[in-house]
């Protein structure tokens, strides 16, 4: 099925944040998308030339997870011709029409960061979807039994930075915007939920309750946090504002709930419940009404859901013979197996996911392009990496 999206290319390319215009002129780009059976845009063939092998490799990987694939020049829809002598620069041209699509040079920062900026601009120009190459992920890194810390890095695992130094169990990071993380830490004994401002290092405990205080999930509008608390007995789903005030209990199950995540419109929370005896996905409104089961036909024991930013799919872990990652339409239905692994979360483009796989003492993170099922390993930090969260 083919759709057309018309993007007006602005006259000239204005230099911002170290980006210089290389060409000027008015042009119009008509983007033609072909979609697979699940509704994902099929990869757009591009040809990359002119760069050193290292830079070309970075660009190919970035574009892979944003809906493009490198192809021979005579089979490509777009030609990307560039260089990286002193700065990264590129011209993108429609091979058939010869129309220019993008022409920019990038300065400042590392060569890798310049390539990421180029990749994001190419993604926006060719697919119409904002790029993800300059985004961040957070994750849990374990160095031994009962010893883990939270790290952040570029989406591809480069430039890792340690966030916590609690020297205990720290888990389940979740982004609140691009500068704050929420996570659970055993630093004070039983697990408590903290918010952590990354630029200043300041953090605040938002759940001073007994029992378990775990699995924080911040709404995409950055106003509320869902969490699992056992302050009244069994673990149940609660919602509060970001500072922990105005706490409201949403579920009252004796079997226990886990793994909340928000719909992109911030009206609904998906979570895992055992009220039927085995794990199942459920949805409930943020005010506690309308609880319903989300069917996951073709998989069993679903856990760890994450709602795609475009609202179409929920990705989750199925505990079968092995941990398997599935997606299901947000309203429920037939499921689709996309990879072996667990802890999957969506990228902001609703196309790629990051997930973990491996034995408990040596898990690694992986990037996955969902429609093509192509996978790239992220270099491991310390002994085991898991529980990723992608900044949206």
Protein backbone atom coordinates (compact mmCIF):
# COMPACT_ATOMS: atom_id res chain seq x y z
CA UNK A 1 0.00 0.00 0.00
CA UNK A 2 1.41 3.33 -0.97
CA UNK A 3 0.94 6.69 0.71
CA UNK A 4 2.31 10.09 -0.21
CA UNK A 5 3.50 12.65 2.24
CA UNK A 6 4.50 16.09 0.98
CA UNK A 7 7.32 17.85 2.81
CA UNK A 8 8.18 21.42 1.91
CA UNK A 9 11.95 21.76 1.85
CA UNK A 10 12.81 25.18 3.26
CA UNK A 11 14.75 27.63 1.13
CA UNK A 12 18.31 27.24 2.31
CA UNK A 13 19.54 25.33 5.31
CA UNK A 14 20.19 27.53 8.31
CA UNK A 15 23.24 26.79 10.45
CA UNK A 16 22.23 25.84 14.00
CA UNK A 17 24.14 24.10 16.79
CA UNK A 18 27.30 23.73 14.74
CA UNK A 19 25.46 22.78 11.50
CA UNK A 20 26.29 24.75 8.35
CA UNK A 21 24.20 25.01 5.19
CA UNK A 22 25.94 23.67 2.08
CA UNK A 23 23.31 24.36 -0.56
CA UNK A 24 20.32 26.58 -1.03
CA UNK A 25 17.20 26.58 -3.14
CA UNK A 26 13.57 25.55 -3.03
CA UNK A 27 12.64 21.94 -3.65
CA UNK A 28 9.81 19.62 -2.83
CA UNK A 29 10.20 16.05 -1.66
CA UNK A 30 7.41 13.53 -2.06
CA UNK A 31 7.91 10.57 0.27
CA UNK A 32 6.49 7.25 -0.90
CA UNK A 33 6.13 4.59 1.79
CA UNK A 34 5.47 0.89 1.29
CA UNK A 35 4.18 -0.93 4.38
CA UNK A 36 4.49 -4.52 5.55
CA UNK A 37 1.68 -6.66 6.95
CA UNK A 38 2.14 -5.19 10.45
CA UNK A 39 1.99 -1.60 9.24
CA UNK A 40 5.72 -0.82 9.45
CA UNK A 41 7.31 1.12 6.61
CA UNK A 42 9.56 -1.11 4.54
CA UNK A 43 13.24 -0.08 4.51
CA UNK A 44 14.16 2.62 2.02
CA UNK A 45 17.22 1.63 -0.06
CA UNK A 46 20.02 4.21 0.08
CA UNK A 47 23.60 4.17 -1.15
CA UNK A 48 26.36 5.62 1.05
CA UNK A 49 29.65 6.74 -0.52
CA UNK A 50 32.59 9.06 0.08
CA UNK A 51 33.11 8.46 3.82
CA UNK A 52 35.85 6.54 5.57
CA UNK A 53 34.87 2.98 6.46
CA UNK A 54 34.43 3.83 10.15
CA UNK A 55 32.10 6.75 9.50
CA UNK A 56 30.19 4.85 6.84
CA UNK A 57 29.68 2.00 9.33
CA UNK A 58 28.27 4.33 11.97
CA UNK A 59 25.93 5.92 9.43
CA UNK A 60 24.74 2.55 8.10
CA UNK A 61 23.89 1.38 11.61
CA UNK A 62 22.08 4.59 12.49
CA UNK A 63 20.00 4.47 9.32
CA UNK A 64 19.19 0.77 9.79
CA UNK A 65 17.25 1.51 12.97
CA UNK A 66 15.45 4.42 11.30
CA UNK A 67 14.02 2.57 8.31
CA UNK A 68 16.80 2.64 5.69
CA UNK A 69 19.11 0.01 4.26
CA UNK A 70 22.36 0.36 2.33
CA UNK A 71 22.10 -0.85 -1.27
CA UNK A 72 24.10 -0.75 -4.51
CA UNK A 73 23.90 2.64 -6.21
CA UNK A 74 21.79 1.36 -9.12
CA UNK A 75 19.21 -0.08 -6.68
CA UNK A 76 19.04 2.83 -4.25
CA UNK A 77 16.21 5.33 -4.01
CA UNK A 78 18.53 7.95 -2.51
CA UNK A 79 22.24 8.60 -2.95
CA UNK A 80 24.18 9.81 0.12
CA UNK A 81 27.53 11.22 -0.96
CA UNK A 82 29.78 12.78 1.64
CA UNK A 83 33.09 13.01 3.39
CA UNK A 84 34.64 13.44 6.82
CA UNK A 85 37.91 15.29 6.37
CA UNK A 86 37.85 17.71 9.29
CA UNK A 87 34.08 17.72 9.46
CA UNK A 88 31.25 15.42 8.44
CA UNK A 89 29.32 16.61 5.40
CA UNK A 90 26.88 15.04 2.97
CA UNK A 91 24.58 15.62 0.06
CA UNK A 92 21.47 13.46 -0.33
CA UNK A 93 19.87 13.17 -3.76
CA UNK A 94 16.86 11.35 -5.14
CA UNK A 95 18.47 8.97 -7.65
CA UNK A 96 15.51 8.92 -10.00
CA UNK A 97 14.50 12.58 -10.07
CA UNK A 98 17.99 13.96 -9.34
CA UNK A 99 16.33 16.37 -6.88
CA UNK A 100 18.44 17.40 -3.86
CA UNK A 101 17.02 16.24 -0.54
CA UNK A 102 19.60 17.40 1.98
CA UNK A 103 22.94 19.21 1.97
CA UNK A 104 24.72 19.93 5.25
CA UNK A 105 28.03 20.03 7.02
CA UNK A 106 28.51 19.31 10.72
CA UNK A 107 31.12 20.76 13.08
CA UNK A 108 31.73 20.59 16.81
CA UNK A 109 31.79 17.58 19.07
CA UNK A 110 33.21 14.21 18.07
CA UNK A 111 33.05 12.71 14.61
CA UNK A 112 30.60 10.13 15.96
CA UNK A 113 28.27 12.84 17.23
CA UNK A 114 28.44 14.61 13.86
CA UNK A 115 27.48 11.36 12.11
CA UNK A 116 24.54 10.89 14.48
CA UNK A 117 23.34 14.41 13.69
CA UNK A 118 23.62 13.70 9.97
CA UNK A 119 21.74 10.42 10.34
CA UNK A 120 18.89 12.12 12.17
CA UNK A 121 18.60 14.77 9.48
CA UNK A 122 18.60 12.11 6.75
CA UNK A 123 15.90 10.15 8.58
CA UNK A 124 13.67 13.20 8.87
CA UNK A 125 14.21 14.18 5.24
CA UNK A 126 13.68 10.71 3.74
CA UNK A 127 11.12 9.06 6.04
CA UNK A 128 9.43 12.08 7.59
CA UNK A 129 10.02 10.57 11.06
CA UNK A 130 12.41 12.26 13.55
CA UNK A 131 15.66 10.36 13.98
CA UNK A 132 16.85 8.50 17.08
CA UNK A 133 20.65 8.56 16.62
CA UNK A 134 21.13 11.37 19.16
CA UNK A 135 18.89 9.82 21.82
CA UNK A 136 19.97 8.26 25.13
CA UNK A 137 19.23 5.04 26.94
CA UNK A 138 19.45 4.20 30.64
CA UNK A 139 20.02 0.71 32.00
CA UNK A 140 20.99 -1.37 35.01
CA UNK A 141 24.60 -2.61 35.15
CA UNK A 142 25.47 -5.38 37.63
CA UNK A 143 29.00 -6.00 38.84
CA UNK A 144 28.19 -8.81 41.27
CA UNK A 145 25.51 -10.31 43.52
CA UNK A 146 23.29 -7.60 45.05
CA UNK A 147 25.46 -4.91 43.48
CA UNK A 148 24.18 -2.85 40.57
CA UNK A 149 24.13 0.76 39.41
CA UNK A 150 22.27 2.84 36.84
CA UNK A 151 24.13 4.00 33.73
CA UNK A 152 23.18 6.14 30.76
CA UNK A 153 24.74 6.08 27.29
CA UNK A 154 24.12 7.02 23.68
CA UNK A 155 21.46 4.84 22.09
CA UNK A 156 24.18 2.59 20.62
CA UNK A 157 25.98 2.10 23.95
CA UNK A 158 28.81 4.58 23.39
CA UNK A 159 29.78 7.26 25.93
CA UNK A 160 28.50 5.40 29.03
CA UNK A 161 28.14 7.42 32.21
CA UNK A 162 27.53 6.05 35.68
CA UNK A 163 24.57 7.73 37.39
CA UNK A 164 24.29 6.05 40.80
CA UNK A 165 26.90 4.94 43.33
CA UNK A 166 24.66 3.24 45.86
CA UNK A 167 26.72 0.04 46.12
CA UNK A 168 23.56 -2.03 46.44
CA UNK A 169 20.66 -3.19 44.24
CA UNK A 170 19.41 -0.41 41.97
CA UNK A 171 16.84 -1.21 39.30
CA UNK A 172 14.19 -0.22 36.76
CA UNK A 173 15.33 3.19 35.46
CA UNK A 174 12.70 5.24 33.64
CA UNK A 175 13.09 8.61 31.96
CA UNK A 176 11.13 11.72 32.94
CA UNK A 177 11.98 13.97 30.03
CA UNK A 178 15.61 14.05 28.94
CA UNK A 179 17.25 15.19 32.18
CA UNK A 180 15.63 13.16 34.98
CA UNK A 181 15.57 9.47 35.82
CA UNK A 182 13.35 7.56 38.20
CA UNK A 183 14.52 4.23 39.63
CA UNK A 184 14.29 1.97 42.67
CA UNK A 185 17.19 1.62 45.10
CA UNK A 186 17.80 -0.54 48.19
CA UNK A 187 20.15 2.09 49.60
CA UNK A 188 17.89 2.70 52.63
CA UNK A 189 16.98 -0.95 53.21
CA UNK A 190 13.73 -1.89 51.48
CA UNK A 191 13.44 -0.64 47.88
CA UNK A 192 12.39 3.01 47.57
CA UNK A 193 11.75 5.03 44.42
CA UNK A 194 13.96 8.04 43.72
CA UNK A 195 13.94 10.81 41.13
CA UNK A 196 17.41 11.86 39.97
CA UNK A 197 18.24 15.09 38.17
CA UNK A 198 21.11 14.24 35.83
CA UNK A 199 22.64 17.72 35.30
CA UNK A 200 22.82 18.52 39.02
CA UNK A 201 23.01 15.04 40.55
CA UNK A 202 20.26 15.97 43.02
CA UNK A 203 17.84 13.20 43.87
CA UNK A 204 14.68 12.89 45.89
CA UNK A 205 13.01 9.89 47.50
CA UNK A 206 9.35 9.92 46.48
CA UNK A 207 8.09 6.76 48.25
CA UNK A 208 8.90 6.65 51.98
CA UNK A 209 6.76 3.56 52.56
CA UNK A 210 7.42 0.16 54.06
CA UNK A 211 7.47 -2.92 51.84
CA UNK A 212 8.34 -2.81 48.17
CA UNK A 213 8.42 0.48 46.26
CA UNK A 214 9.37 -0.51 42.70
CA UNK A 215 8.84 -0.18 38.94
CA UNK A 216 8.41 3.58 38.44
CA UNK A 217 6.91 4.56 35.07
CA UNK A 218 6.62 8.24 34.19
CA UNK A 219 3.85 9.50 31.90
CA UNK A 220 5.05 10.97 28.61
CA UNK A 221 3.75 14.42 29.58
CA UNK A 222 6.03 14.30 32.63
CA UNK A 223 3.33 14.99 35.20
CA UNK A 224 2.66 11.61 36.86
CA UNK A 225 4.42 8.45 37.84
CA UNK A 226 2.89 4.97 38.06
CA UNK A 227 4.53 2.49 40.43
CA UNK A 228 4.08 -0.76 42.31
CA UNK A 229 3.79 -0.46 46.10
CA UNK A 230 3.11 -3.10 48.76
CA UNK A 231 2.46 -0.58 51.56
CA UNK A 232 -0.96 -2.12 52.18
CA UNK A 233 -0.01 -5.75 51.73
CA UNK A 234 0.27 -7.28 48.26
CA UNK A 235 1.93 -5.29 45.46
CA UNK A 236 -0.59 -3.06 43.71
CA UNK A 237 -0.62 -0.28 41.15
CA UNK A 238 -0.48 3.33 42.33
CA UNK A 239 -0.17 6.74 40.66
CA UNK A 240 1.15 10.01 42.07
CA UNK A 241 2.53 13.29 40.84
CA UNK A 242 6.28 13.39 40.17
CA UNK A 243 7.10 14.36 43.72
CA UNK A 244 5.12 11.47 45.20
CA UNK A 245 2.16 13.60 46.32
CA UNK A 246 -1.51 12.93 45.56
CA UNK A 247 -0.94 9.18 45.73
CA UNK A 248 -3.87 7.11 44.44
CA UNK A 249 -4.22 3.32 44.53
CA UNK A 250 -5.62 1.97 41.25
CA UNK A 251 -5.75 -1.80 41.81
CA UNK A 252 -6.65 -3.92 44.82
CA UNK A 253 -5.45 -7.38 43.87
CA UNK A 254 -4.28 -9.99 46.37
CA UNK A 255 -2.22 -11.76 43.69
CA UNK A 256 0.02 -8.78 43.01
CA UNK A 257 0.65 -6.48 40.06
CA UNK A 258 3.86 -5.49 38.26
CA UNK A 259 5.50 -3.66 35.34
CA UNK A 260 3.32 -0.60 34.61
CA UNK A 261 3.70 1.48 31.45
CA UNK A 262 1.70 4.39 30.04
CA UNK A 263 -0.18 4.82 26.79
CA UNK A 264 1.26 7.72 24.76
CA UNK A 265 -1.87 9.84 25.40
CA UNK A 266 -1.30 9.41 29.17
CA UNK A 267 -4.87 8.23 29.73
CA UNK A 268 -4.24 4.51 30.24
CA UNK A 269 -1.76 2.32 32.10
CA UNK A 270 -0.85 -1.19 30.95
CA UNK A 271 0.42 -3.55 33.65
CA UNK A 272 0.81 -7.21 34.55
CA UNK A 273 -1.59 -8.95 36.91
CA UNK A 274 -1.91 -12.52 38.18
CA UNK A 275 -5.57 -12.21 39.11
CA UNK A 276 -6.43 -15.11 36.79
CA UNK A 277 -3.68 -17.27 38.31
CA UNK A 278 -1.02 -16.65 35.63
CA UNK A 279 0.51 -13.40 34.39
CA UNK A 280 -1.63 -11.41 31.97
CA UNK A 281 -1.60 -7.94 30.46
CA UNK A 282 -4.26 -5.53 31.69
CA UNK A 283 -5.17 -1.93 30.99
CA UNK A 284 -6.75 0.56 33.37
CA UNK A 285 -7.49 4.27 33.08
CA UNK A 286 -5.21 6.60 35.00
CA UNK A 287 -8.09 7.36 37.39
CA UNK A 288 -8.59 3.68 38.21
CA UNK A 289 -11.66 2.89 36.12
CA UNK A 290 -12.29 0.53 33.22
CA UNK A 291 -9.86 -2.27 34.02
CA UNK A 292 -9.73 -4.79 31.18
CA UNK A 293 -7.69 -7.76 29.99
CA UNK A 294 -5.48 -7.33 26.92
CA UNK A 295 -5.51 -10.59 24.98
CA UNK A 296 -2.15 -11.98 23.83
CA UNK A 297 -3.12 -14.81 21.51
CA UNK A 298 -0.18 -17.05 20.60
CA UNK A 299 2.02 -16.32 23.61
CA UNK A 300 1.91 -17.08 27.31
CA UNK A 301 2.87 -15.52 30.65
CA UNK A 302 3.33 -11.96 29.35
CA UNK A 303 5.40 -9.57 31.46
CA UNK A 304 7.38 -6.30 31.07
CA UNK A 305 5.09 -4.42 28.65
CA UNK A 306 6.05 -1.18 26.91
CA UNK A 307 3.64 0.88 24.79
CA UNK A 308 4.95 2.23 21.48
CA UNK A 309 5.02 6.04 21.25
CA UNK A 310 2.71 5.94 18.21
CA UNK A 311 0.16 4.00 20.26
CA UNK A 312 -0.11 1.04 17.89
CA UNK A 313 1.72 -1.81 19.65
CA UNK A 314 2.73 -3.10 23.05
CA UNK A 315 6.00 -5.00 23.23
CA UNK A 316 6.37 -7.54 26.05
CA UNK A 317 8.33 -10.54 27.31
CA UNK A 318 6.76 -13.99 27.11
CA UNK A 319 8.03 -16.56 29.60
CA UNK A 320 7.89 -19.73 27.54
CA UNK A 321 10.73 -22.27 27.19
CA UNK A 322 12.97 -19.27 26.74
CA UNK A 323 12.35 -15.58 27.23
CA UNK A 324 10.82 -14.37 23.96
CA UNK A 325 9.88 -10.85 22.92
CA UNK A 326 6.49 -10.32 21.26
CA UNK A 327 4.45 -7.40 20.05
CA UNK A 328 0.65 -7.20 20.16
CA UNK A 329 -1.76 -4.52 18.92
CA UNK A 330 -2.53 -2.13 21.76
CA UNK A 331 -6.16 -3.27 21.84
CA UNK A 332 -5.03 -6.91 22.11
CA UNK A 333 -5.18 -9.83 19.69
CA UNK A 334 -2.68 -12.02 17.87
CA UNK A 335 0.94 -11.65 18.95
CA UNK A 336 4.08 -11.61 16.83
CA UNK A 337 7.41 -13.08 17.96
CA UNK A 338 10.24 -10.65 17.13
CA UNK A 339 13.30 -11.86 19.08
CA UNK A 340 14.65 -14.05 21.85
CA UNK A 341 15.24 -11.90 24.93
CA UNK A 342 13.52 -9.76 27.56
CA UNK A 343 13.21 -6.20 28.94
CA UNK A 344 12.29 -4.71 25.55
CA UNK A 345 11.42 -1.01 25.27
CA UNK A 346 10.52 1.08 22.23
CA UNK A 347 12.60 3.79 20.60
CA UNK A 348 10.93 7.18 20.07
CA UNK A 349 10.37 6.26 16.40
CA UNK A 350 8.16 3.24 17.30
CA UNK A 351 10.28 1.09 14.99
CA UNK A 352 13.38 0.01 16.93
CA UNK A 353 13.56 -1.55 20.38
CA UNK A 354 16.40 -2.17 22.82
CA UNK A 355 16.32 -5.37 24.88
CA UNK A 356 18.51 -7.64 26.99
CA UNK A 357 19.50 -11.26 26.54
CA UNK A 358 21.83 -13.75 28.17
CA UNK A 359 22.45 -15.49 31.50
CA UNK A 360 21.73 -13.46 34.63
CA UNK A 361 25.42 -12.83 35.36
CA UNK A 362 26.27 -11.76 31.78
CA UNK A 363 23.30 -10.16 30.04
CA UNK A 364 23.95 -7.81 27.13
CA UNK A 365 21.82 -5.16 25.49
CA UNK A 366 20.78 -5.41 21.85
CA UNK A 367 19.19 -3.08 19.31
CA UNK A 368 16.48 -4.52 17.09
CA UNK A 369 14.79 -3.17 13.97
CA UNK A 370 11.37 -4.70 14.52
CA UNK A 371 10.10 -5.07 10.91
CA UNK A 372 13.33 -6.56 9.53
CA UNK A 373 14.40 -8.31 12.77
CA UNK A 374 17.98 -7.15 12.28
CA UNK A 375 19.91 -7.05 15.55
CA UNK A 376 23.03 -5.21 16.74
CA UNK A 377 24.84 -5.97 20.00
CA UNK A 378 25.63 -3.11 22.38
CA UNK A 379 28.99 -3.39 24.14
CA UNK A 380 28.52 -4.63 27.72
CA UNK A 381 29.53 -2.60 30.76
CA UNK A 382 30.61 -4.49 33.89
CA UNK A 383 29.19 -7.99 34.26
CA UNK A 384 25.56 -7.80 33.20
CA UNK A 385 23.34 -5.16 31.57
CA UNK A 386 19.54 -5.22 31.67
CA UNK A 387 16.32 -3.23 32.21
CA UNK A 388 16.93 -0.60 29.50
CA UNK A 389 14.85 2.55 29.18
CA UNK A 390 14.87 4.76 26.08
CA UNK A 391 14.58 8.52 26.48
CA UNK A 392 11.59 9.70 24.47
